[in-house]
C-alpha atoms as a PDB file:
ATOM      1  CA  MET A   1       0.000   0.000   0.000  1.00  0.00           C
ATOM      2  CA  LYS A   2       1.271   3.421  -0.885  1.00  0.00           C
ATOM      3  CA  LEU A   3       1.773   5.830   1.987  1.00  0.00           C
ATOM      4  CA  ASP A   4      -0.004   8.665   0.154  1.00  0.00           C
ATOM      5  CA  ALA A   5      -3.168   6.525   0.040  1.00  0.00           C
ATOM      6  CA  VAL A   6      -3.161   6.322   3.824  1.00  0.00           C
ATOM      7  CA  THR A   7      -2.685  10.043   4.360  1.00  0.00           C
ATOM      8  CA  ALA A   8      -4.860  11.272   1.480  1.00  0.00           C
ATOM      9  CA  ASP A   9      -7.759  13.628   2.078  1.00  0.00           C
ATOM     10  CA  PRO A  10     -10.892  11.433   2.432  1.00  0.00           C
ATOM     11  CA  ASP A  11     -13.091  13.956   0.566  1.00  0.00           C
ATOM     12  CA  PRO A  12     -13.066  12.917  -3.120  1.00  0.00           C
ATOM     13  CA  ALA A  13     -14.164  16.413  -4.162  1.00  0.00           C
ATOM     14  CA  ARG A  14     -10.808  17.745  -2.972  1.00  0.00           C
ATOM     15  CA  ARG A  15      -8.646  14.982  -4.499  1.00  0.00           C
ATOM     16  CA  PRO A  16      -7.027  15.865  -7.809  1.00  0.00           C
ATOM     17  CA  GLY A  17      -8.228  13.677 -10.663  1.00  0.00           C
ATOM     18  CA  SER A  18     -11.179  12.361  -8.658  1.00  0.00           C
ATOM     19  CA  VAL A  19     -14.074  11.099 -10.790  1.00  0.00           C
ATOM     20  CA  GLY A  20     -16.696  11.117  -8.048  1.00  0.00           C
ATOM     21  CA  GLU A  21     -18.530   8.561  -5.998  1.00  0.00           C
ATOM     22  CA  ARG A  22     -22.011   7.197  -5.494  1.00  0.00           C
ATOM     23  CA  MET A  23     -23.660   5.948  -2.343  1.00  0.00           C
ATOM     24  CA  SER A  24     -26.692   3.703  -2.204  1.00  0.00           C
ATOM     25  CA  VAL A  25     -28.851   2.743   0.729  1.00  0.00           C
ATOM     26  CA  ARG A  26     -30.585  -0.605   0.427  1.00  0.00           C
ATOM     27  CA  VAL A  27     -33.068  -2.919   2.059  1.00  0.00           C
ATOM     28  CA  LYS A  28     -32.783  -6.445   0.758  1.00  0.00           C
ATOM     29  CA  ARG A  29     -35.481  -9.101   0.869  1.00  0.00           C
ATOM     30  CA  LEU A  30     -37.790  -7.466   3.422  1.00  0.00           C
ATOM     31  CA  ARG A  31     -40.391 -10.171   4.111  1.00  0.00           C
ATOM     32  CA  LEU A  32     -43.944  -9.066   4.722  1.00  0.00           C
ATOM     33  CA  GLU A  33     -47.439 -10.506   4.724  1.00  0.00           C
ATOM     34  CA  ALA A  34     -49.513  -8.599   2.200  1.00  0.00           C
ATOM     35  CA  GLY A  35     -53.046  -8.398   0.940  1.00  0.00           C
ATOM     36  CA  VAL A  36     -52.223  -8.401  -2.743  1.00  0.00           C
ATOM     37  CA  GLY A  37     -53.763  -9.945  -5.832  1.00  0.00           C
ATOM     38  CA  VAL A  38     -56.654  -9.560  -8.228  1.00  0.00           C
ATOM     39  CA  TYR A  39     -58.054 -13.100  -8.088  1.00  0.00           C
ATOM     40  CA  ASP A  40     -60.856 -14.129  -5.714  1.00  0.00           C
ATOM     41  CA  SER A  41     -58.505 -16.684  -4.132  1.00  0.00           C
ATOM     42  CA  GLU A  42     -56.143 -13.834  -3.159  1.00  0.00           C
ATOM     43  CA  ARG A  43     -58.743 -11.605  -1.530  1.00  0.00           C
ATOM     44  CA  GLY A  44     -59.364 -11.640   2.198  1.00  0.00           C
ATOM     45  CA  ARG A  45     -56.045 -13.264   3.014  1.00  0.00           C
ATOM     46  CA  LYS A  46     -52.424 -12.322   3.360  1.00  0.00           C
ATOM     47  CA  GLN A  47     -49.633 -13.870   1.351  1.00  0.00           C
ATOM     48  CA  PRO A  48     -45.854 -13.640   1.619  1.00  0.00           C
ATOM     49  CA  LEU A  49     -44.251 -10.726  -0.189  1.00  0.00           C
ATOM     50  CA  GLU A  50     -40.583  -9.881  -0.443  1.00  0.00           C
ATOM     51  CA  VAL A  51     -39.450  -6.316  -1.137  1.00  0.00           C
ATOM     52  CA  SER A  52     -35.960  -5.183  -2.070  1.00  0.00           C
ATOM     53  CA  LEU A  53     -34.926  -1.640  -2.779  1.00  0.00           C
ATOM     54  CA  GLU A  54     -31.786   0.294  -3.486  1.00  0.00           C
ATOM     55  CA  ALA A  55     -31.744   4.082  -3.370  1.00  0.00           C
ATOM     56  CA  GLU A  56     -28.834   6.055  -4.771  1.00  0.00           C
ATOM     57  CA  VAL A  57     -28.585   9.176  -2.644  1.00  0.00           C
ATOM     58  CA  ALA A  58     -27.458  12.765  -3.131  1.00  0.00           C
ATOM     59  CA  PRO A  59     -23.891  13.663  -2.137  1.00  0.00           C
ATOM     60  CA  GLU A  60     -24.952  15.412   1.080  1.00  0.00           C
ATOM     61  CA  ALA A  61     -26.764  12.241   2.216  1.00  0.00           C
ATOM     62  CA  ALA A  62     -23.731  10.120   1.280  1.00  0.00           C
ATOM     63  CA  ARG A  63     -21.558  12.022   3.773  1.00  0.00           C
ATOM     64  CA  PRO A  64     -23.773  12.722   6.790  1.00  0.00           C
ATOM     65  CA  ASP A  65     -20.845  13.052   9.239  1.00  0.00           C
ATOM     66  CA  GLY A  66     -22.735  11.047  11.837  1.00  0.00           C
ATOM     67  CA  ALA A  67     -25.970  13.035  11.548  1.00  0.00           C
ATOM     68  CA  LEU A  68     -28.836  10.579  11.129  1.00  0.00           C
ATOM     69  CA  ASP A  69     -31.181  13.362  10.004  1.00  0.00           C
ATOM     70  CA  VAL A  70     -28.883  14.050   7.020  1.00  0.00           C
ATOM     71  CA  ALA A  71     -28.561  10.403   5.980  1.00  0.00           C
ATOM     72  CA  VAL A  72     -31.194   8.543   3.987  1.00  0.00           C
ATOM     73  CA  ASN A  73     -32.246   6.083   6.673  1.00  0.00           C
ATOM     74  CA  TYR A  74     -32.766   2.457   5.596  1.00  0.00           C
ATOM     75  CA  ALA A  75     -34.869   1.722   8.688  1.00  0.00           C
ATOM     76  CA  ALA A  76     -37.203   4.605   7.836  1.00  0.00           C
ATOM     77  CA  MET A  77     -37.442   3.376   4.240  1.00  0.00           C
ATOM     78  CA  ALA A  78     -38.352  -0.123   5.443  1.00  0.00           C
ATOM     79  CA  GLY A  79     -40.938   1.417   7.779  1.00  0.00           C
ATOM     80  CA  ILE A  80     -42.541   3.289   4.881  1.00  0.00           C
ATOM     81  CA  VAL A  81     -42.726   0.075   2.842  1.00  0.00           C
ATOM     82  CA  ARG A  82     -44.297  -1.788   5.779  1.00  0.00           C
ATOM     83  CA  GLN A  83     -46.875   0.969   6.245  1.00  0.00           C
ATOM     84  CA  ILE A  84     -47.885   1.081   2.575  1.00  0.00           C
ATOM     85  CA  VAL A  85     -48.127  -2.699   2.255  1.00  0.00           C
ATOM     86  CA  ALA A  86     -50.248  -2.964   5.407  1.00  0.00           C
ATOM     87  CA  SER A  87     -52.510  -0.009   4.545  1.00  0.00           C
ATOM     88  CA  THR A  88     -54.978  -1.818   2.268  1.00  0.00           C
ATOM     89  CA  HIS A  89     -55.455  -4.668  -0.194  1.00  0.00           C
ATOM     90  CA  HIS A  90     -53.501  -4.019  -3.393  1.00  0.00           C
ATOM     91  CA  ASP A  91     -54.911  -5.578  -6.554  1.00  0.00           C
ATOM     92  CA  LEU A  92     -51.743  -5.371  -8.637  1.00  0.00           C
ATOM     93  CA  LEU A  93     -48.075  -5.517  -7.683  1.00  0.00           C
ATOM     94  CA  GLU A  94     -47.451  -2.846 -10.326  1.00  0.00           C
ATOM     95  CA  ASP A  95     -49.707  -0.386  -8.488  1.00  0.00           C
ATOM     96  CA  LEU A  96     -48.140  -1.259  -5.150  1.00  0.00           C
ATOM     97  CA  ALA A  97     -44.652  -0.721  -6.610  1.00  0.00           C
ATOM     98  CA  GLN A  98     -45.688   2.700  -7.964  1.00  0.00           C
ATOM     99  CA  LYS A  99     -47.124   3.753  -4.594  1.00  0.00           C
ATOM    100  CA  ILE A 100     -43.947   2.718  -2.762  1.00  0.00           C
ATOM    101  CA  ALA A 101     -41.763   4.465  -5.350  1.00  0.00           C
ATOM    102  CA  ASP A 102     -43.887   7.638  -5.244  1.00  0.00           C
ATOM    103  CA  THR A 103     -43.530   7.826  -1.477  1.00  0.00           C
ATOM    104  CA  LEU A 104     -39.800   7.054  -1.290  1.00  0.00           C
ATOM    105  CA  PHE A 105     -38.988   9.294  -4.244  1.00  0.00           C
ATOM    106  CA  ALA A 106     -40.702  12.239  -2.531  1.00  0.00           C
ATOM    107  CA  ASP A 107     -37.420  12.548  -0.610  1.00  0.00           C
ATOM    108  CA  THR A 108     -35.370  14.667  -3.037  1.00  0.00           C
ATOM    109  CA  ARG A 109     -32.142  13.198  -1.667  1.00  0.00           C
ATOM    110  CA  VAL A 110     -33.092   9.945  -3.440  1.00  0.00           C
ATOM    111  CA  LYS A 111     -31.649  10.284  -6.941  1.00  0.00           C
ATOM    112  CA  ARG A 112     -32.287   6.781  -8.249  1.00  0.00           C
ATOM    113  CA  LEU A 113     -34.499   3.995  -6.955  1.00  0.00           C
ATOM    114  CA  GLU A 114     -34.479   0.312  -7.853  1.00  0.00           C
ATOM    115  CA  LEU A 115     -37.444  -1.550  -6.385  1.00  0.00           C
ATOM    116  CA  THR A 116     -38.413  -5.221  -6.633  1.00  0.00           C
ATOM    117  CA  LEU A 117     -41.556  -6.877  -5.276  1.00  0.00           C
ATOM    118  CA  ASP A 118     -41.884 -10.667  -5.277  1.00  0.00           C
ATOM    119  CA  LYS A 119     -44.901 -12.764  -4.346  1.00  0.00           C
ATOM    120  CA  LEU A 120     -43.421 -15.940  -2.882  1.00  0.00           C
ATOM    121  CA  ALA A 121     -46.314 -18.401  -2.956  1.00  0.00           C
ATOM    122  CA  THR A 122     -48.120 -17.787  -6.226  1.00  0.00           C
ATOM    123  CA  LEU A 123     -46.923 -20.450  -8.661  1.00  0.00           C
ATOM    124  CA  GLU A 124     -46.135 -23.958  -7.442  1.00  0.00           C
ATOM    125  CA  ASP A 125     -43.242 -24.379  -9.840  1.00  0.00           C
ATOM    126  CA  ALA A 126     -41.614 -20.941  -9.321  1.00  0.00           C
ATOM    127  CA  VAL A 127     -39.731 -19.507  -6.367  1.00  0.00           C
ATOM    128  CA  SER A 128     -41.451 -16.176  -6.903  1.00  0.00           C
ATOM    129  CA  VAL A 129     -43.245 -13.901  -9.345  1.00  0.00           C
ATOM    130  CA  GLY A 130     -43.017 -10.171  -9.266  1.00  0.00           C
ATOM    131  CA  VAL A 131     -42.252  -6.772 -10.701  1.00  0.00           C
ATOM    132  CA  SER A 132     -39.273  -4.444 -10.771  1.00  0.00           C
ATOM    133  CA  LEU A 133     -39.367  -0.674 -11.080  1.00  0.00           C
ATOM    134  CA  SER A 134     -36.522   1.765 -11.721  1.00  0.00           C
ATOM    135  CA  ARG A 135     -36.919   5.501 -11.286  1.00  0.00           C
ATOM    136  CA  TRP A 136     -34.354   8.297 -11.469  1.00  0.00           C
ATOM    137  CA  ARG A 137     -34.030  12.055 -11.655  1.00  0.00           C
END
């Protein structure tokens, strides 16, 4: 290891020749019980749903210097997902994905969002079925 790498300024904006950096906050495979589905057999009951999301965040949220209120908080994001999923029966995963994305993307520090929803017990011969949504600004 080169000595200058150890003593270098940790702020990439001040390093000569720096090309930048990206920070993402993620929640992977959050398992919930959800009222979701358009078929009669899916109404009035909960079924297992798995949600994964990755949010690329603005530079100020990538370097919060220990301030939780500056960081994009993964626990808060998971809480929002839980709340939306539990709020009502959702006919289509696509609509549920849009509602989650709308809510999370309202935070302007989120610059890109990758969201995946998987129903885990829908087809006997598949591990899961689901939708993915990408949104960016």
